[in-house]
């Protein structure tokens, strides 16, 4: 894909975009052996871009994808017990991608996978307080009382947690559909929180992490993250 030369030179770590523009203006940059001019674009995959006669080497392009994990898959690349893994669902995505965070086997929804280790670590580190949004289907007696207890919960089995944001979306017979927002990603955290408040989770779907939305992506399918999503991920 073609991009402006100053952006490519900056991406290669050789200069800022403004300094790269001056290099182009000074005639120091060539494309396929011809001196480049300001405003010119090139494709680093097919064009030879040189600065002062030396090839401009771009870092390997990172991959960032969003997967809709179905129930029954574990969020690992290999499983010693032979259970289905998310790796099987993204084998056509190109390269070896690693999950940034987890969803337990019985849960569904959004998983980000990438080969950018720094971005994956940033996404999962609790200090960044990335909102993780879940649709939670529960059964239990006193729904309103349970929601009040969930909203006030600041510890789980003796371990401090950030209080979740909980919204009642719809009553469903003897149960309800809730939206829950948490920052941490402790093991089976939402299921344990609900259980502590007398609710049984019948279905759990992660629908967003920060600005990255699951949307209408079908279960078992993946998509490439948008430029805005990738920019957000890199910033954190």
Foldseek 3Di string as FASTA:
>chain_A
DKDFPLVLLVQLVNDHSVVSQVQLVVQQKDKQPHRHHHPDIDDPVPIFIDGNRHTRDGPDDKFKKKAWADAFEWQACDDPVPTHYLCVLCVVVDDDWHWLATDHNRATEIIMIIPDPVLSCCLQDLVVQWKWKKKWKKAFAPPVQLQVCQQVDQAAPRHGFDRKDKDFDAADVRIGIIMIIGRHRPDVVVQRSSVVSGIHTPYMYTADTHPDGRPPPDHSHMDTDDPVVVVVSVVD
